[in-house]
Amino acid sequence: MAGNEIRRDPISGYWVILSERRAKRPHQFVTEKVVERDRRCPFCPGNEHMVLETDRLPEKGKWLVKAVKNKYPFVDKLDERTSLPREGVIRDEPFYYHFPSLGYHEVIIDTRKHNKEVFDQGIMSTYRLLEMYKRRMEYMMKNRWIKYVNIFKNKGSQAGASLPHPHSQISAFPFVPERIKKEMRRKCGFCEYIELEKKSPRFVHENDEFIVLSPYAPRFAFEMWVLSKKHKRSILEMGKDELMSLSNLLVQLFKAMKKVLGDFPYNYAIHQAPKGKDFHFHLEIYPKLSIWAGLELGSNIYVNAVCPEDAALFVRDHL
């Protein structure tokens, strides 16, 4: 890419301005010194009385990954006996819809260790985390009112994490987010996208089951997409072998990204099928290397100073 370029994301349709300021070397984030165990941390071993557990792995003995109720949920727990309208409630005014703020919102404590991310601990630790995601999603989807389960992680204060102990979150709603609706098509755009991109300079890595791409129009510098090669609708359709394959790839990918960016702040989100719908499972990683300002917030046009071809090359060289 020579000079500035404006690109449109082929899946969601948003616009990205790729700046000509292409860094020869990305900024390295410094690792913050964090103790292995914090007596004040509600997620650390020994502080189990500070949280309300909903699930754990392994189920007996010392827990290695655990699901707990969110102390400050953005939705109240949705009971099967609750009566909800199908598409929302129309008030007296013609424009306004609302649901009661009901659903699920849990925290997943990724690991016992206060100072070490699960991807730095190896494949089995990562596999247990993915297995917990699957278990909690399965539980939430059994509720007849739930239409979508959202799995995400905030790492670092710049990415919105309120506690340093490695954790992720699962929320479930009686509606489908607009972002997911935009990605849903009669013909799967992601299957076509993989075929187009696997031989492009934005290709990063792959194994038998999954592929990593630096998206064509990334909103974030060093944004990465991890996609299932097969048309899998959600994590619920993945067995042990596939989850192990995904774990192996994520460990390799985060290791390479840390070599490039240091201990970088990030969010990730798992995009998967709403209840009863078709979709293509993928995980999107958003490094938080800059702050969105007026342009992004006011227009949904995003400026990215690192073109995806460069980002793919940097990460690929460290795999």
Protein backbone atom coordinates (compact mmCIF):
# COMPACT_ATOMS: atom_id res chain seq x y z
CA MET A 1 0.00 0.00 0.00
CA ALA A 2 1.47 3.34 -1.04
CA GLY A 3 0.21 6.41 0.85
CA ASN A 4 -3.15 6.77 2.52
CA GLU A 5 -6.01 4.50 1.54
CA ILE A 6 -9.66 4.24 2.49
CA ARG A 7 -11.03 0.71 2.74
CA ARG A 8 -14.46 -0.77 3.38
CA ASP A 9 -14.86 -3.88 5.49
CA PRO A 10 -16.48 -6.48 3.21
CA ILE A 11 -18.40 -8.13 6.06
CA SER A 12 -19.79 -5.30 8.21
CA GLY A 13 -19.50 -2.40 5.78
CA TYR A 14 -17.70 0.14 8.00
CA TRP A 15 -15.00 2.40 6.54
CA VAL A 16 -11.36 2.59 7.65
CA ILE A 17 -8.72 5.19 6.77
CA LEU A 18 -5.28 3.59 6.63
CA SER A 19 -2.67 6.25 7.34
CA GLU A 20 0.62 6.51 5.42
CA ARG A 21 2.44 6.77 8.77
CA ARG A 22 3.61 3.18 8.67
CA ALA A 23 5.76 2.46 11.70
CA LYS A 24 9.01 0.63 11.06
CA ARG A 25 8.71 -0.85 14.52
CA PRO A 26 5.54 -0.92 16.64
CA HIS A 27 5.48 0.61 20.10
CA GLN A 28 6.46 -1.86 22.83
CA PHE A 29 4.31 -1.88 25.96
CA VAL A 30 6.20 -2.49 29.19
CA THR A 31 5.11 -5.38 31.40
CA GLU A 32 3.70 -4.14 34.69
CA LYS A 33 5.04 -5.89 37.78
CA VAL A 34 2.19 -7.77 39.43
CA VAL A 35 2.43 -10.17 42.36
CA GLU A 36 1.43 -13.82 41.85
CA ARG A 37 -1.25 -13.58 44.53
CA ASP A 38 -3.01 -10.52 45.95
CA ARG A 39 -4.77 -10.84 49.31
CA ARG A 40 -7.24 -8.13 48.28
CA CYS A 41 -8.10 -9.65 44.89
CA PRO A 42 -11.51 -11.38 44.84
CA PHE A 43 -10.32 -13.69 42.05
CA CYS A 44 -7.24 -15.05 43.83
CA PRO A 45 -7.19 -18.45 45.61
CA GLY A 46 -8.04 -18.08 49.28
CA ASN A 47 -10.57 -15.32 48.58
CA GLU A 48 -13.38 -17.61 47.44
CA HIS A 49 -15.70 -16.06 50.04
CA MET A 50 -15.61 -12.80 48.05
CA VAL A 51 -17.38 -14.24 44.98
CA LEU A 52 -20.36 -16.50 44.26
CA GLU A 53 -19.24 -19.48 42.18
CA THR A 54 -21.44 -20.89 39.40
CA ASP A 55 -19.05 -23.42 37.79
CA ARG A 56 -15.46 -24.66 37.97
CA LEU A 57 -12.90 -26.86 36.25
CA PRO A 58 -11.99 -29.37 37.41
CA GLU A 59 -15.31 -29.92 39.17
CA LYS A 60 -13.63 -31.43 42.24
CA GLY A 61 -10.46 -30.46 44.08
CA LYS A 62 -8.40 -27.37 43.36
CA TRP A 63 -10.05 -25.15 40.76
CA LEU A 64 -8.02 -24.02 37.74
CA VAL A 65 -10.67 -21.94 35.97
CA LYS A 66 -13.89 -20.75 37.55
CA ALA A 67 -17.15 -19.00 36.64
CA VAL A 68 -18.63 -16.57 39.17
CA LYS A 69 -21.54 -14.16 39.26
CA ASN A 70 -20.61 -10.63 38.28
CA LYS A 71 -20.80 -8.42 41.35
CA TYR A 72 -21.84 -5.47 39.18
CA PRO A 73 -23.89 -7.03 36.34
CA PHE A 74 -25.27 -4.90 33.55
CA VAL A 75 -28.31 -7.18 33.37
CA ASP A 76 -30.30 -8.99 36.05
CA LYS A 77 -30.60 -12.77 35.90
CA LEU A 78 -33.31 -13.92 33.53
CA ASP A 79 -35.65 -16.51 35.03
CA GLU A 80 -37.48 -19.08 32.91
CA ARG A 81 -40.74 -17.96 34.50
CA THR A 82 -40.24 -14.36 33.38
CA SER A 83 -42.70 -13.24 30.73
CA LEU A 84 -41.02 -11.27 27.94
CA PRO A 85 -42.44 -9.85 24.72
CA ARG A 86 -41.13 -11.32 21.51
CA GLU A 87 -39.68 -8.20 19.92
CA GLY A 88 -39.75 -5.57 22.65
CA VAL A 89 -42.33 -3.27 24.20
CA ILE A 90 -43.71 -0.31 22.26
CA ARG A 91 -44.62 2.53 24.59
CA ASP A 92 -47.13 5.25 23.81
CA GLU A 93 -44.58 6.95 21.56
CA PRO A 94 -44.07 5.37 18.11
CA PHE A 95 -40.25 5.19 18.13
CA TYR A 96 -39.30 3.63 21.44
CA TYR A 97 -38.68 -0.02 22.22
CA HIS A 98 -37.38 -1.54 25.40
CA PHE A 99 -36.78 -4.81 27.19
CA PRO A 100 -36.48 -5.31 30.91
CA SER A 101 -32.74 -5.40 31.64
CA LEU A 102 -32.61 -9.17 31.97
CA GLY A 103 -30.16 -11.83 30.84
CA TYR A 104 -26.95 -13.32 32.26
CA HIS A 105 -23.64 -11.71 33.15
CA GLU A 106 -20.84 -13.83 34.61
CA VAL A 107 -17.11 -13.45 35.12
CA ILE A 108 -14.73 -16.23 34.14
CA ILE A 109 -11.61 -16.32 36.31
CA ASP A 110 -9.20 -17.54 33.63
CA THR A 111 -6.51 -18.82 35.99
CA ARG A 112 -5.50 -19.04 39.63
CA LYS A 113 -2.41 -16.92 38.94
CA HIS A 114 -2.85 -13.19 39.53
CA ASN A 115 0.10 -12.19 37.34
CA LYS A 116 0.10 -14.56 34.35
CA GLU A 117 -2.29 -14.66 31.41
CA VAL A 118 -3.74 -18.04 30.53
CA PHE A 119 -2.21 -17.97 27.02
CA ASP A 120 1.25 -17.67 28.64
CA GLN A 121 0.59 -20.85 30.64
CA GLY A 122 0.26 -23.19 27.69
CA ILE A 123 -2.23 -25.18 25.67
CA MET A 124 -3.98 -27.08 28.49
CA SER A 125 -4.67 -23.91 30.49
CA THR A 126 -6.11 -22.28 27.37
CA TYR A 127 -8.16 -25.39 26.59
CA ARG A 128 -9.74 -25.33 30.06
CA LEU A 129 -10.74 -21.71 29.53
CA LEU A 130 -12.39 -22.50 26.18
CA GLU A 131 -14.12 -25.50 27.73
CA MET A 132 -15.53 -23.23 30.44
CA TYR A 133 -16.79 -20.82 27.79
CA LYS A 134 -18.56 -23.73 26.14
CA ARG A 135 -20.10 -24.98 29.40
CA ARG A 136 -21.47 -21.59 30.41
CA MET A 137 -22.80 -20.83 26.94
CA GLU A 138 -24.54 -24.20 26.88
CA TYR A 139 -26.15 -23.43 30.24
CA MET A 140 -27.32 -19.96 29.19
CA MET A 141 -28.67 -21.06 25.82
CA LYS A 142 -31.02 -23.49 27.57
CA ASN A 143 -33.07 -20.52 28.74
CA ARG A 144 -35.89 -20.12 26.20
CA TRP A 145 -35.62 -16.32 26.22
CA ILE A 146 -31.89 -16.09 25.45
CA LYS A 147 -31.07 -15.37 21.80
CA TYR A 148 -27.37 -14.51 21.93
CA VAL A 149 -24.38 -15.25 24.19
CA ASN A 150 -21.51 -12.76 24.12
CA ILE A 151 -18.03 -13.91 25.24
CA PHE A 152 -15.34 -11.26 25.62
CA LYS A 153 -12.17 -10.28 27.46
CA ASN A 154 -10.68 -6.93 28.53
CA LYS A 155 -6.96 -7.05 29.31
CA GLY A 156 -5.31 -3.97 30.81
CA SER A 157 -6.77 -0.73 32.11
CA GLN A 158 -6.60 0.85 28.62
CA ALA A 159 -8.91 -1.93 27.44
CA GLY A 160 -11.42 -1.46 30.26
CA ALA A 161 -10.29 -4.13 32.73
CA SER A 162 -11.19 -3.14 36.29
CA LEU A 163 -8.95 -5.80 37.91
CA PRO A 164 -5.49 -7.04 36.85
CA HIS A 165 -6.23 -10.71 37.64
CA PRO A 166 -6.75 -12.45 34.26
CA HIS A 167 -10.47 -12.81 33.64
CA SER A 168 -13.05 -12.72 30.89
CA GLN A 169 -16.80 -12.28 30.81
CA ILE A 170 -19.90 -13.96 29.41
CA SER A 171 -23.18 -12.15 28.92
CA ALA A 172 -26.43 -13.36 27.38
CA PHE A 173 -29.33 -11.34 26.02
CA PRO A 174 -32.92 -11.81 24.80
CA PHE A 175 -31.97 -10.06 21.53
CA VAL A 176 -29.28 -10.24 18.84
CA PRO A 177 -26.67 -7.41 18.74
CA GLU A 178 -26.71 -5.25 15.61
CA ARG A 179 -23.05 -6.03 14.89
CA ILE A 180 -23.86 -9.74 14.64
CA LYS A 181 -26.91 -9.06 12.46
CA LYS A 182 -24.68 -7.17 10.02
CA GLU A 183 -22.38 -10.19 9.74
CA MET A 184 -25.25 -12.61 9.00
CA ARG A 185 -25.99 -13.34 5.34
CA ARG A 186 -27.82 -15.98 3.34
CA LYS A 187 -24.47 -17.00 1.86
CA CYS A 188 -21.66 -17.07 4.42
CA GLY A 189 -19.36 -14.12 3.83
CA PHE A 190 -16.67 -15.59 6.08
CA CYS A 191 -16.30 -18.81 4.05
CA GLU A 192 -15.72 -16.69 0.95
CA TYR A 193 -13.46 -14.32 2.88
CA ILE A 194 -11.19 -17.15 4.02
CA GLU A 195 -10.79 -18.41 0.44
CA LEU A 196 -9.85 -14.93 -0.77
CA GLU A 197 -7.50 -14.08 2.09
CA LYS A 198 -5.56 -17.29 2.73
CA LYS A 199 -3.11 -16.48 -0.08
CA SER A 200 -3.04 -12.72 0.52
CA PRO A 201 -0.32 -10.70 2.33
CA ARG A 202 -2.78 -10.41 5.24
CA PHE A 203 -2.50 -14.13 6.01
CA VAL A 204 -0.82 -14.69 9.39
CA HIS A 205 -0.99 -18.33 10.47
CA GLU A 206 -3.06 -21.52 10.30
CA ASN A 207 -3.39 -25.09 11.48
CA ASP A 208 -5.72 -27.88 10.37
CA GLU A 209 -8.83 -26.33 11.93
CA PHE A 210 -8.29 -22.56 12.19
CA ILE A 211 -6.77 -19.65 10.29
CA VAL A 212 -5.49 -16.24 11.48
CA LEU A 213 -5.94 -13.20 9.25
CA SER A 214 -5.18 -9.52 9.61
CA PRO A 215 -8.50 -8.15 8.29
CA TYR A 216 -8.63 -6.12 5.07
CA ALA A 217 -10.06 -3.02 6.80
CA PRO A 218 -8.97 -3.23 10.46
CA ARG A 219 -10.37 -0.69 12.90
CA PHE A 220 -7.45 -1.32 15.28
CA ALA A 221 -3.70 -1.51 14.67
CA PHE A 222 -2.70 -5.19 14.73
CA GLU A 223 -6.31 -6.38 14.82
CA MET A 224 -6.42 -10.14 14.24
CA TRP A 225 -9.25 -12.51 13.31
CA VAL A 226 -9.15 -16.20 14.20
CA LEU A 227 -11.64 -18.10 12.04
CA SER A 228 -12.77 -21.70 11.92
CA LYS A 229 -11.87 -23.17 8.53
CA LYS A 230 -15.00 -25.30 8.64
CA HIS A 231 -18.38 -23.62 8.79
CA LYS A 232 -18.93 -24.01 12.54
CA ARG A 233 -21.77 -21.94 13.96
CA SER A 234 -20.46 -21.67 17.52
CA ILE A 235 -18.15 -23.09 20.14
CA LEU A 236 -20.97 -25.50 21.04
CA GLU A 237 -20.26 -27.43 17.82
CA MET A 238 -16.59 -27.98 18.71
CA GLY A 239 -15.28 -31.14 20.31
CA LYS A 240 -12.12 -31.62 22.34
CA ASP A 241 -9.82 -31.95 19.33
CA GLU A 242 -11.05 -28.68 17.82
CA LEU A 243 -10.80 -26.82 21.12
CA MET A 244 -7.26 -28.15 21.57
CA SER A 245 -6.41 -26.98 18.05
CA LEU A 246 -7.81 -23.52 18.80
CA SER A 247 -5.91 -23.44 22.10
CA ASN A 248 -2.63 -24.28 20.38
CA LEU A 249 -3.15 -21.56 17.79
CA LEU A 250 -4.10 -18.90 20.36
CA VAL A 251 -1.01 -19.67 22.46
CA GLN A 252 1.21 -19.28 19.38
CA LEU A 253 -0.55 -16.12 18.22
CA PHE A 254 -0.45 -14.26 21.53
CA LYS A 255 3.19 -15.25 22.03
CA ALA A 256 4.07 -13.75 18.63
CA MET A 257 2.01 -10.61 19.22
CA LYS A 258 3.73 -10.04 22.58
CA LYS A 259 7.12 -10.31 20.86
CA VAL A 260 6.03 -7.48 18.57
CA LEU A 261 4.01 -5.29 20.95
CA GLY A 262 5.22 -6.22 24.43
CA ASP A 263 2.62 -6.68 27.17
CA PHE A 264 -0.08 -4.94 25.15
CA PRO A 265 -3.64 -4.12 26.31
CA TYR A 266 -6.40 -5.70 24.26
CA ASN A 267 -9.98 -6.81 24.01
CA TYR A 268 -11.23 -9.89 22.26
CA ALA A 269 -14.73 -10.99 21.39
CA ILE A 270 -16.08 -14.30 20.14
CA HIS A 271 -18.66 -13.93 17.38
CA GLN A 272 -20.99 -16.89 16.98
CA ALA A 273 -24.49 -17.89 16.00
CA PRO A 274 -27.62 -16.53 17.66
CA LYS A 275 -30.02 -19.24 18.79
CA GLY A 276 -31.48 -21.10 15.81
CA LYS A 277 -29.48 -19.10 13.25
CA ASP A 278 -26.59 -19.82 10.92
CA PHE A 279 -23.22 -18.13 11.37
CA HIS A 280 -19.45 -18.63 11.07
CA PHE A 281 -17.51 -18.84 14.35
CA HIS A 282 -14.60 -16.46 14.73
CA LEU A 283 -12.67 -14.63 17.44
CA GLU A 284 -11.61 -11.01 16.95
CA ILE A 285 -8.62 -9.51 18.82
CA TYR A 286 -8.49 -5.72 19.23
CA PRO A 287 -5.16 -4.35 20.55
CA LYS A 288 -5.77 -1.01 22.30
CA LEU A 289 -2.78 0.92 21.00
CA SER A 290 -4.61 4.21 20.46
CA ILE A 291 -7.75 6.00 21.64
CA TRP A 292 -10.83 6.55 19.52
CA ALA A 293 -11.80 10.21 19.32
CA GLY A 294 -14.38 12.42 17.62
CA LEU A 295 -14.07 10.99 14.11
CA GLU A 296 -14.55 7.38 15.19
CA LEU A 297 -17.25 8.10 17.75
CA GLY A 298 -19.15 10.56 15.60
CA SER A 299 -19.04 8.87 12.21
CA ASN A 300 -18.04 5.20 12.65
CA ILE A 301 -15.11 5.95 10.34
CA TYR A 302 -11.90 4.57 11.84
CA VAL A 303 -8.29 5.72 11.44
CA ASN A 304 -5.58 3.07 11.64
CA ALA A 305 -1.88 3.98 11.40
CA VAL A 306 -0.74 0.39 10.72
CA CYS A 307 -1.88 -1.23 7.50
CA PRO A 308 -2.93 -4.89 7.87
CA GLU A 309 -0.28 -6.13 5.45
CA ASP A 310 2.45 -4.72 7.72
CA ALA A 311 0.75 -6.03 10.86
CA ALA A 312 0.52 -9.52 9.35
CA LEU A 313 4.19 -9.41 8.36
CA PHE A 314 5.36 -8.30 11.81
CA VAL A 315 3.41 -11.06 13.58
CA ARG A 316 4.13 -13.73 10.96
CA ASP A 317 7.88 -13.14 11.36
CA HIS A 318 7.62 -14.03 15.06
CA LEU A 319 5.66 -17.27 14.71
